[in-house]
Amino acid sequence: MTTNDVEHLKPGEGCYAFFLNAQGRILGDVNILCFDDHLLLDTEPETRQKLFEHLDRYIIADDVTIEDVTGSIATIAVEGPTAASVLQNAGAPIPDLQNSWVRWDARTVARINSTGSEGFFIFGPAAEKQVLINALAIPAATAEEARIVRIEHGRPRYGEEITERNLVQETGQLHAVHFNKGCYLGQEIVERVRSIAKIHRELRRVELDTPEPGQMEIMSSAVSPATGKTVALAYVKIERSKS
């Protein structure tokens, strides 16, 4: 069902993955955490219903139940250079490896980020969300502030820089793909591109002066407070992205 190796995950581990259609185009992305008796899939709000219906459509013979727990679980992201210190000061344990997770009482702390900076997601009961925010004792970032940091770090977001138009290799997010796993929907296209075909463009972080006409498709941009320069995520023609 996904591009990454979920079958061999052990409790406490996780991975980042894409869901594809039969044409190899990206339907959405997910952070997957493995528990003893279930998998937790974290995805963008805009793709929640689409991926739920996609799973429900293609899971036929497997003995599995799909449940949308959006309303009962709150997700809080703590990101930035001092993220680990903030969690430790609040009494939270710190998972060691990327995409791994640890228990924190009734909560789950995962080493996941949305901006490309050092960071963690905390999954916990929705009723305790405000209590946890108060305990962390840090200011909340606005959506625009988080977006600027994400673009500064070159971290794409599904729905903005990655859409159903894109092939996996165009995004540059190859950590979402396990090339030696078993068959999955869209794998034939992914393998064909890897072994035979060539992509003509690639998503890159660029600093903008005056882009040459026709050389790139800018998907998002922001002025970096750190440098004062305009940075962008853009699909750049492959001959330019290698130069």
C-alpha atoms as a PDB file:
ATOM      1  CA  MET A   1       0.000   0.000   0.000  1.00  0.00           C
ATOM      2  CA  THR A   2       2.911   2.404   0.618  1.00  0.00           C
ATOM      3  CA  THR A   3       6.334   3.087  -0.856  1.00  0.00           C
ATOM      4  CA  ASN A   4       8.279   2.232   2.299  1.00  0.00           C
ATOM      5  CA  ASP A   5       8.952  -1.009   4.173  1.00  0.00           C
ATOM      6  CA  VAL A   6       6.177  -1.135   6.770  1.00  0.00           C
ATOM      7  CA  GLU A   7       6.061  -4.927   7.141  1.00  0.00           C
ATOM      8  CA  HIS A   8       9.386  -5.126   8.974  1.00  0.00           C
ATOM      9  CA  LEU A   9       8.799  -2.254  11.382  1.00  0.00           C
ATOM     10  CA  LYS A  10       8.973  -3.185  15.058  1.00  0.00           C
ATOM     11  CA  PRO A  11       7.096  -1.474  17.911  1.00  0.00           C
ATOM     12  CA  GLY A  12       8.890   1.770  18.698  1.00  0.00           C
ATOM     13  CA  GLU A  13       9.955   2.263  15.073  1.00  0.00           C
ATOM     14  CA  GLY A  14       8.445   4.266  12.245  1.00  0.00           C
ATOM     15  CA  CYS A  15       9.001   5.545   8.730  1.00  0.00           C
ATOM     16  CA  TYR A  16       7.971   8.193   6.235  1.00  0.00           C
ATOM     17  CA  ALA A  17       6.126   7.004   3.126  1.00  0.00           C
ATOM     18  CA  PHE A  18       4.039   7.948   0.104  1.00  0.00           C
ATOM     19  CA  PHE A  19       0.748   6.539  -1.099  1.00  0.00           C
ATOM     20  CA  LEU A  20       0.630   6.299  -4.904  1.00  0.00           C
ATOM     21  CA  ASN A  21      -2.005   5.657  -7.516  1.00  0.00           C
ATOM     22  CA  ALA A  22      -1.580   3.086 -10.275  1.00  0.00           C
ATOM     23  CA  GLN A  23       0.148   5.699 -12.452  1.00  0.00           C
ATOM     24  CA  GLY A  24       2.811   6.284  -9.795  1.00  0.00           C
ATOM     25  CA  ARG A  25       1.530   9.738  -8.877  1.00  0.00           C
ATOM     26  CA  ILE A  26       1.564  10.761  -5.223  1.00  0.00           C
ATOM     27  CA  LEU A  27      -1.795  10.739  -3.424  1.00  0.00           C
ATOM     28  CA  GLY A  28      -0.384  11.788  -0.062  1.00  0.00           C
ATOM     29  CA  ASP A  29       2.411  11.302   2.433  1.00  0.00           C
ATOM     30  CA  VAL A  30       2.381   9.812   5.925  1.00  0.00           C
ATOM     31  CA  ASN A  31       4.472   9.334   9.015  1.00  0.00           C
ATOM     32  CA  ILE A  32       3.861   5.742  10.121  1.00  0.00           C
ATOM     33  CA  LEU A  33       4.467   4.636  13.717  1.00  0.00           C
ATOM     34  CA  CYS A  34       4.414   0.950  14.634  1.00  0.00           C
ATOM     35  CA  PHE A  35       2.770  -0.174  17.896  1.00  0.00           C
ATOM     36  CA  ASP A  36       2.226  -3.677  19.288  1.00  0.00           C
ATOM     37  CA  ASP A  37      -1.222  -4.120  17.748  1.00  0.00           C
ATOM     38  CA  HIS A  38      -1.703  -1.235  15.344  1.00  0.00           C
ATOM     39  CA  LEU A  39      -0.093   1.345  13.077  1.00  0.00           C
ATOM     40  CA  LEU A  40      -0.634   5.075  13.554  1.00  0.00           C
ATOM     41  CA  LEU A  41      -0.669   7.081  10.328  1.00  0.00           C
ATOM     42  CA  ASP A  42      -0.055  10.819  10.599  1.00  0.00           C
ATOM     43  CA  THR A  43      -0.905  12.814   7.488  1.00  0.00           C
ATOM     44  CA  GLU A  44      -1.842  16.314   6.381  1.00  0.00           C
ATOM     45  CA  PRO A  45      -5.385  17.439   7.236  1.00  0.00           C
ATOM     46  CA  GLU A  46      -6.152  17.890   3.540  1.00  0.00           C
ATOM     47  CA  THR A  47      -5.310  14.262   2.706  1.00  0.00           C
ATOM     48  CA  ARG A  48      -6.872  12.571   5.750  1.00  0.00           C
ATOM     49  CA  GLN A  49     -10.160  11.638   4.104  1.00  0.00           C
ATOM     50  CA  LYS A  50      -8.613  10.828   0.730  1.00  0.00           C
ATOM     51  CA  LEU A  51      -6.110   8.376   2.206  1.00  0.00           C
ATOM     52  CA  PHE A  52      -8.726   6.835   4.492  1.00  0.00           C
ATOM     53  CA  GLU A  53     -10.915   6.098   1.457  1.00  0.00           C
ATOM     54  CA  HIS A  54      -7.886   4.860  -0.506  1.00  0.00           C
ATOM     55  CA  LEU A  55      -7.018   2.345   2.228  1.00  0.00           C
ATOM     56  CA  ASP A  56     -10.622   1.299   2.619  1.00  0.00           C
ATOM     57  CA  ARG A  57     -10.867   0.661  -1.103  1.00  0.00           C
ATOM     58  CA  TYR A  58      -7.744  -1.467  -1.483  1.00  0.00           C
ATOM     59  CA  ILE A  59      -7.640  -3.395   1.798  1.00  0.00           C
ATOM     60  CA  ILE A  60      -9.862  -6.310   0.845  1.00  0.00           C
ATOM     61  CA  ALA A  61      -8.662  -9.668   2.155  1.00  0.00           C
ATOM     62  CA  ASP A  62      -6.597  -8.484   5.122  1.00  0.00           C
ATOM     63  CA  ASP A  63      -7.959  -8.855   8.638  1.00  0.00           C
ATOM     64  CA  VAL A  64      -7.641  -5.196   9.585  1.00  0.00           C
ATOM     65  CA  THR A  65      -9.847  -2.361  10.772  1.00  0.00           C
ATOM     66  CA  ILE A  66      -9.287   1.273   9.791  1.00  0.00           C
ATOM     67  CA  GLU A  67     -10.241   3.956  12.291  1.00  0.00           C
ATOM     68  CA  ASP A  68     -10.038   7.741  11.936  1.00  0.00           C
ATOM     69  CA  VAL A  69      -8.813   8.956  15.352  1.00  0.00           C
ATOM     70  CA  THR A  70      -8.368  12.607  14.372  1.00  0.00           C
ATOM     71  CA  GLY A  71     -10.988  13.778  16.836  1.00  0.00           C
ATOM     72  CA  SER A  72      -9.536  11.943  19.829  1.00  0.00           C
ATOM     73  CA  ILE A  73      -5.797  12.514  19.392  1.00  0.00           C
ATOM     74  CA  ALA A  74      -4.093  15.903  19.552  1.00  0.00           C
ATOM     75  CA  THR A  75      -0.782  16.395  17.737  1.00  0.00           C
ATOM     76  CA  ILE A  76       1.674  19.021  18.956  1.00  0.00           C
ATOM     77  CA  ALA A  77       4.928  19.736  17.134  1.00  0.00           C
ATOM     78  CA  VAL A  78       7.929  21.043  19.089  1.00  0.00           C
ATOM     79  CA  GLU A  79      10.592  22.088  16.596  1.00  0.00           C
ATOM     80  CA  GLY A  80      13.803  24.084  16.550  1.00  0.00           C
ATOM     81  CA  PRO A  81      17.358  23.907  17.918  1.00  0.00           C
ATOM     82  CA  THR A  82      16.188  23.700  21.554  1.00  0.00           C
ATOM     83  CA  ALA A  83      13.306  21.256  20.966  1.00  0.00           C
ATOM     84  CA  ALA A  84      14.926  18.391  22.894  1.00  0.00           C
ATOM     85  CA  SER A  85      15.697  20.646  25.861  1.00  0.00           C
ATOM     86  CA  VAL A  86      12.111  21.903  25.974  1.00  0.00           C
ATOM     87  CA  LEU A  87      10.778  18.350  26.139  1.00  0.00           C
ATOM     88  CA  GLN A  88      13.305  17.267  28.744  1.00  0.00           C
ATOM     89  CA  ASN A  89      12.406  20.273  30.914  1.00  0.00           C
ATOM     90  CA  ALA A  90       8.771  19.153  30.709  1.00  0.00           C
ATOM     91  CA  GLY A  91       9.755  15.653  31.840  1.00  0.00           C
ATOM     92  CA  ALA A  92       9.390  13.960  28.446  1.00  0.00           C
ATOM     93  CA  PRO A  93      11.674  11.147  27.230  1.00  0.00           C
ATOM     94  CA  ILE A  94      13.522  11.668  23.954  1.00  0.00           C
ATOM     95  CA  PRO A  95      13.457   9.024  21.176  1.00  0.00           C
ATOM     96  CA  ASP A  96      16.900   8.363  19.733  1.00  0.00           C
ATOM     97  CA  LEU A  97      16.328   7.640  16.048  1.00  0.00           C
ATOM     98  CA  GLN A  98      14.466   9.489  13.316  1.00  0.00           C
ATOM     99  CA  ASN A  99      10.839   8.295  13.097  1.00  0.00           C
ATOM    100  CA  SER A 100      11.177   6.311  16.337  1.00  0.00           C
ATOM    101  CA  TRP A 101       8.865   6.906  19.296  1.00  0.00           C
ATOM    102  CA  VAL A 102       8.683   6.454  23.064  1.00  0.00           C
ATOM    103  CA  ARG A 103       5.852   6.482  25.587  1.00  0.00           C
ATOM    104  CA  TRP A 104       5.333   9.480  27.858  1.00  0.00           C
ATOM    105  CA  ASP A 105       2.543   8.389  30.192  1.00  0.00           C
ATOM    106  CA  ALA A 106      -0.572   8.426  27.986  1.00  0.00           C
ATOM    107  CA  ARG A 107       1.295  10.270  25.243  1.00  0.00           C
ATOM    108  CA  THR A 108       3.616   9.266  22.432  1.00  0.00           C
ATOM    109  CA  VAL A 109       6.727  11.294  21.603  1.00  0.00           C
ATOM    110  CA  ALA A 110       8.054  10.705  18.077  1.00  0.00           C
ATOM    111  CA  ARG A 111      11.198  12.078  16.465  1.00  0.00           C
ATOM    112  CA  ILE A 112       9.355  13.636  13.538  1.00  0.00           C
ATOM    113  CA  ASN A 113       9.353  17.198  12.234  1.00  0.00           C
ATOM    114  CA  SER A 114       7.379  19.232   9.731  1.00  0.00           C
ATOM    115  CA  THR A 115       9.880  22.043   9.067  1.00  0.00           C
ATOM    116  CA  GLY A 116      13.175  20.252   8.420  1.00  0.00           C
ATOM    117  CA  SER A 117      14.518  21.475  11.756  1.00  0.00           C
ATOM    118  CA  GLU A 118      15.266  19.294  14.768  1.00  0.00           C
ATOM    119  CA  GLY A 119      11.886  18.391  16.195  1.00  0.00           C
ATOM    120  CA  PHE A 120       9.344  16.078  17.729  1.00  0.00           C
ATOM    121  CA  PHE A 121       5.635  15.306  17.468  1.00  0.00           C
ATOM    122  CA  ILE A 122       3.671  14.607  20.633  1.00  0.00           C
ATOM    123  CA  PHE A 123       0.498  12.541  20.180  1.00  0.00           C
ATOM    124  CA  GLY A 124      -1.849  12.560  23.158  1.00  0.00           C
ATOM    125  CA  PRO A 125      -5.486  12.673  24.279  1.00  0.00           C
ATOM    126  CA  ALA A 126      -7.257  15.630  22.687  1.00  0.00           C
ATOM    127  CA  ALA A 127      -8.763  16.577  26.054  1.00  0.00           C
ATOM    128  CA  GLU A 128      -5.247  17.188  27.443  1.00  0.00           C
ATOM    129  CA  LYS A 129      -4.012  19.365  24.585  1.00  0.00           C
ATOM    130  CA  GLN A 130      -4.117  22.713  26.362  1.00  0.00           C
ATOM    131  CA  VAL A 131      -2.651  21.252  29.560  1.00  0.00           C
ATOM    132  CA  LEU A 132       0.312  19.960  27.564  1.00  0.00           C
ATOM    133  CA  ILE A 133       0.785  23.255  25.734  1.00  0.00           C
ATOM    134  CA  ASN A 134       0.866  25.057  29.079  1.00  0.00           C
ATOM    135  CA  ALA A 135       3.377  22.561  30.461  1.00  0.00           C
ATOM    136  CA  LEU A 136       5.744  23.080  27.529  1.00  0.00           C
ATOM    137  CA  ALA A 137       5.833  26.817  28.334  1.00  0.00           C
ATOM    138  CA  ILE A 138       6.929  27.966  24.875  1.00  0.00           C
ATOM    139  CA  PRO A 139       5.279  30.405  22.468  1.00  0.00           C
ATOM    140  CA  ALA A 140       3.182  28.987  19.654  1.00  0.00           C
ATOM    141  CA  ALA A 141       4.375  29.570  16.112  1.00  0.00           C
ATOM    142  CA  THR A 142       1.934  30.858  13.538  1.00  0.00           C
ATOM    143  CA  ALA A 143       1.276  28.837  10.402  1.00  0.00           C
ATOM    144  CA  GLU A 144       3.181  31.414   8.352  1.00  0.00           C
ATOM    145  CA  GLU A 145       6.205  31.301  10.677  1.00  0.00           C
ATOM    146  CA  ALA A 146       6.309  27.513  10.409  1.00  0.00           C
ATOM    147  CA  ARG A 147       5.987  27.767   6.623  1.00  0.00           C
ATOM    148  CA  ILE A 148       8.958  30.160   6.392  1.00  0.00           C
ATOM    149  CA  VAL A 149      11.167  27.844   8.459  1.00  0.00           C
ATOM    150  CA  ARG A 150      10.071  24.886   6.337  1.00  0.00           C
ATOM    151  CA  ILE A 151      11.003  26.656   3.098  1.00  0.00           C
ATOM    152  CA  GLU A 152      14.312  27.843   4.602  1.00  0.00           C
ATOM    153  CA  HIS A 153      15.173  24.215   5.326  1.00  0.00           C
ATOM    154  CA  GLY A 154      13.991  22.989   1.913  1.00  0.00           C
ATOM    155  CA  ARG A 155      11.298  20.766   3.407  1.00  0.00           C
ATOM    156  CA  PRO A 156       8.353  20.178   1.040  1.00  0.00           C
ATOM    157  CA  ARG A 157       4.760  19.814   2.189  1.00  0.00           C
ATOM    158  CA  TYR A 158       2.136  17.719   0.454  1.00  0.00           C
ATOM    159  CA  GLY A 159      -0.511  19.994  -1.048  1.00  0.00           C
ATOM    160  CA  GLU A 160       1.936  22.823  -1.703  1.00  0.00           C
ATOM    161  CA  GLU A 161       5.125  21.545  -3.316  1.00  0.00           C
ATOM    162  CA  ILE A 162       4.097  17.905  -3.747  1.00  0.00           C
ATOM    163  CA  THR A 163       0.784  17.044  -5.421  1.00  0.00           C
ATOM    164  CA  GLU A 164      -0.866  14.329  -7.494  1.00  0.00           C
ATOM    165  CA  ARG A 165       1.047  15.681 -10.503  1.00  0.00           C
ATOM    166  CA  ASN A 166       4.348  14.447  -9.140  1.00  0.00           C
ATOM    167  CA  LEU A 167       6.357  11.273  -9.499  1.00  0.00           C
ATOM    168  CA  VAL A 168       8.340  10.106  -6.474  1.00  0.00           C
ATOM    169  CA  GLN A 169      11.782  10.830  -7.923  1.00  0.00           C
ATOM    170  CA  GLU A 170      10.826  14.381  -8.857  1.00  0.00           C
ATOM    171  CA  THR A 171      10.327  15.280  -5.198  1.00  0.00           C
ATOM    172  CA  GLY A 172      13.806  14.221  -4.086  1.00  0.00           C
ATOM    173  CA  GLN A 173      12.259  12.562  -1.012  1.00  0.00           C
ATOM    174  CA  LEU A 174      13.755   9.141  -1.616  1.00  0.00           C
ATOM    175  CA  HIS A 175      13.853   8.360   2.107  1.00  0.00           C
ATOM    176  CA  ALA A 176      10.122   7.679   1.590  1.00  0.00           C
ATOM    177  CA  VAL A 177      10.913   4.721  -0.700  1.00  0.00           C
ATOM    178  CA  HIS A 178      12.268   1.226  -0.057  1.00  0.00           C
ATOM    179  CA  PHE A 179      13.420  -0.065  -3.442  1.00  0.00           C
ATOM    180  CA  ASN A 180      13.720  -3.703  -2.381  1.00  0.00           C
ATOM    181  CA  LYS A 181      10.340  -4.253  -0.738  1.00  0.00           C
ATOM    182  CA  GLY A 182       7.495  -6.292  -2.192  1.00  0.00           C
ATOM    183  CA  CYS A 183       4.921  -5.079  -4.661  1.00  0.00           C
ATOM    184  CA  TYR A 184       2.795  -2.014  -3.925  1.00  0.00           C
ATOM    185  CA  LEU A 185       0.433   0.170  -5.903  1.00  0.00           C
ATOM    186  CA  GLY A 186       2.439   2.342  -8.313  1.00  0.00           C
ATOM    187  CA  GLN A 187       5.701   0.400  -7.812  1.00  0.00           C
ATOM    188  CA  GLU A 188       6.059  -0.449 -11.492  1.00  0.00           C
ATOM    189  CA  ILE A 189       6.295   3.249 -12.383  1.00  0.00           C
ATOM    190  CA  VAL A 190       8.731   3.996  -9.545  1.00  0.00           C
ATOM    191  CA  GLU A 191      10.991   1.143 -10.652  1.00  0.00           C
ATOM    192  CA  ARG A 192      10.733   2.088 -14.317  1.00  0.00           C
ATOM    193  CA  VAL A 193      11.844   5.637 -13.572  1.00  0.00           C
ATOM    194  CA  ARG A 194      14.696   4.354 -11.398  1.00  0.00           C
ATOM    195  CA  SER A 195      16.034   1.802 -13.862  1.00  0.00           C
ATOM    196  CA  ILE A 196      15.167   3.084 -17.314  1.00  0.00           C
ATOM    197  CA  ALA A 197      13.516   6.457 -17.587  1.00  0.00           C
ATOM    198  CA  LYS A 198      14.835   9.878 -16.679  1.00  0.00           C
ATOM    199  CA  ILE A 199      13.052  12.632 -14.833  1.00  0.00           C
ATOM    200  CA  HIS A 200      13.155  16.062 -16.404  1.00  0.00           C
ATOM    201  CA  ARG A 201      12.825  18.137 -13.248  1.00  0.00           C
ATOM    202  CA  GLU A 202      13.584  17.928  -9.556  1.00  0.00           C
ATOM    203  CA  LEU A 203      12.368  19.771  -6.468  1.00  0.00           C
ATOM    204  CA  ARG A 204      15.115  21.969  -5.056  1.00  0.00           C
ATOM    205  CA  ARG A 205      15.627  24.714  -2.508  1.00  0.00           C
ATOM    206  CA  VAL A 206      16.800  27.824  -4.345  1.00  0.00           C
ATOM    207  CA  GLU A 207      17.707  31.386  -3.440  1.00  0.00           C
ATOM    208  CA  LEU A 208      16.091  33.801  -5.849  1.00  0.00           C
ATOM    209  CA  ASP A 209      17.473  36.814  -7.630  1.00  0.00           C
ATOM    210  CA  THR A 210      15.939  36.772 -11.079  1.00  0.00           C
ATOM    211  CA  PRO A 211      15.160  33.222 -12.228  1.00  0.00           C
ATOM    212  CA  GLU A 212      15.919  32.481 -15.842  1.00  0.00           C
ATOM    213  CA  PRO A 213      12.652  32.139 -17.793  1.00  0.00           C
ATOM    214  CA  GLY A 214      11.563  28.552 -18.237  1.00  0.00           C
ATOM    215  CA  GLN A 215      14.256  27.115 -15.996  1.00  0.00           C
ATOM    216  CA  MET A 216      12.092  26.469 -12.926  1.00  0.00           C
ATOM    217  CA  GLU A 217       8.544  26.257 -11.624  1.00  0.00           C
ATOM    218  CA  ILE A 218       8.374  28.027  -8.266  1.00  0.00           C
ATOM    219  CA  MET A 219       5.962  26.306  -5.896  1.00  0.00           C
ATOM    220  CA  SER A 220       6.484  28.412  -2.747  1.00  0.00           C
ATOM    221  CA  SER A 221       8.719  31.221  -1.579  1.00  0.00           C
ATOM    222  CA  ALA A 222       9.444  33.331   1.480  1.00  0.00           C
ATOM    223  CA  VAL A 223      11.867  35.969   2.669  1.00  0.00           C
ATOM    224  CA  SER A 224      14.326  34.389   5.097  1.00  0.00           C
ATOM    225  CA  PRO A 225      14.618  36.410   8.324  1.00  0.00           C
ATOM    226  CA  ALA A 226      18.084  34.930   8.821  1.00  0.00           C
ATOM    227  CA  THR A 227      19.568  36.110   5.522  1.00  0.00           C
ATOM    228  CA  GLY A 228      17.102  38.636   4.131  1.00  0.00           C
ATOM    229  CA  LYS A 229      17.085  36.682   0.885  1.00  0.00           C
ATOM    230  CA  THR A 230      14.105  35.193  -0.899  1.00  0.00           C
ATOM    231  CA  VAL A 231      14.217  31.393  -0.723  1.00  0.00           C
ATOM    232  CA  ALA A 232      11.941  29.083  -2.632  1.00  0.00           C
ATOM    233  CA  LEU A 233      11.075  25.493  -3.309  1.00  0.00           C
ATOM    234  CA  ALA A 234      10.947  25.009  -7.058  1.00  0.00           C
ATOM    235  CA  TYR A 235      10.925  22.288  -9.662  1.00  0.00           C
ATOM    236  CA  VAL A 236      14.135  22.913 -11.556  1.00  0.00           C
ATOM    237  CA  LYS A 237      15.008  21.425 -14.928  1.00  0.00           C
ATOM    238  CA  ILE A 238      17.318  18.510 -14.247  1.00  0.00           C
ATOM    239  CA  GLU A 239      20.269  19.909 -16.198  1.00  0.00           C
ATOM    240  CA  ARG A 240      20.118  23.017 -14.021  1.00  0.00           C
ATOM    241  CA  SER A 241      19.658  21.148 -10.725  1.00  0.00           C
ATOM    242  CA  LYS A 242      22.921  19.250 -11.292  1.00  0.00           C
ATOM    243  CA  SER A 243      24.906  22.361 -12.132  1.00  0.00           C
END
